[in-house]
Amino acid sequence: AVILFFLLMSVVGLLEGMQIAFFAVAKLKKSERGRAPFALKTCELLFRGDGHNLPGFMIGRQLCV
């Protein structure tokens, strides 16, 4: 039970950190988002289309937390 508790708390911590990071990146211009391949792919997925992915992530995160 203790291992499961810490595992789930780690997931919640990751989701909270992702929320903070995504809101910080949303305020940056596309040219200021960096050059790291993983970061570029994450931003591409997050801001693709009509911009419904960020609110969708936030709703899903709230349901998980």
Protein backbone atom coordinates (compact mmCIF):
# COMPACT_ATOMS: atom_id res chain seq x y z
CA ALA A 1 0.00 0.00 0.00
CA VAL A 2 2.88 2.36 0.78
CA ILE A 3 4.54 1.74 -2.58
CA LEU A 4 1.25 2.35 -4.40
CA PHE A 5 0.74 5.56 -2.42
CA PHE A 6 4.13 6.94 -3.41
CA LEU A 7 3.66 5.84 -7.00
CA LEU A 8 0.34 7.66 -7.28
CA MET A 9 1.72 10.74 -5.50
CA SER A 10 4.54 10.80 -8.05
CA VAL A 11 2.01 10.74 -10.89
CA VAL A 12 0.10 13.63 -9.31
CA GLY A 13 3.35 15.55 -8.91
CA LEU A 14 4.22 15.00 -12.57
CA LEU A 15 0.79 16.19 -13.68
CA GLU A 16 1.06 19.33 -11.52
CA GLY A 17 4.52 20.07 -12.91
CA MET A 18 3.30 19.59 -16.47
CA GLN A 19 0.45 22.03 -15.84
CA ILE A 20 2.85 24.73 -14.66
CA ALA A 21 5.23 24.10 -17.56
CA PHE A 22 2.46 24.12 -20.19
CA PHE A 23 1.07 27.42 -18.96
CA ALA A 24 4.56 28.92 -18.98
CA VAL A 25 5.21 27.68 -22.53
CA ALA A 26 1.82 28.94 -23.74
CA LYS A 27 2.97 32.51 -23.04
CA LEU A 28 6.15 32.13 -25.11
CA LYS A 29 6.49 32.84 -28.81
CA LYS A 30 7.07 29.82 -31.02
CA SER A 31 10.65 30.93 -31.70
CA GLU A 32 11.41 31.08 -27.94
CA ARG A 33 10.29 27.54 -27.10
CA GLY A 34 13.71 25.97 -27.53
CA ARG A 35 15.30 23.50 -29.87
CA ALA A 36 15.20 20.21 -27.97
CA PRO A 37 13.45 17.53 -30.05
CA PHE A 38 11.26 16.24 -27.21
CA ALA A 39 10.19 19.76 -26.23
CA LEU A 40 9.35 20.64 -29.84
CA LYS A 41 7.26 17.49 -30.26
CA THR A 42 5.44 18.17 -26.99
CA CYS A 43 4.66 21.76 -28.01
CA GLU A 44 3.56 20.62 -31.46
CA LEU A 45 1.13 18.16 -29.92
CA LEU A 46 -0.07 20.59 -27.26
CA PHE A 47 -0.80 23.50 -29.61
CA ARG A 48 -1.92 21.52 -32.69
CA GLY A 49 -5.20 22.28 -34.45
CA ASP A 50 -7.57 24.81 -32.98
CA GLY A 51 -5.83 24.83 -29.62
CA HIS A 52 -8.16 22.32 -27.95
CA ASN A 53 -5.35 20.09 -26.69
CA LEU A 54 -4.26 22.32 -23.79
CA PRO A 55 -7.77 22.67 -22.32
CA GLY A 56 -8.31 18.96 -22.93
CA PHE A 57 -5.16 18.14 -20.99
CA MET A 58 -6.26 20.39 -18.15
CA ILE A 59 -9.67 18.71 -17.90
CA GLY A 60 -8.09 15.26 -17.99
CA ARG A 61 -5.56 16.26 -15.36
CA GLN A 62 -8.32 17.51 -13.08
CA LEU A 63 -10.19 14.23 -13.45
CA CYS A 64 -7.06 12.25 -12.56
CA VAL A 65 -6.15 14.40 -9.57
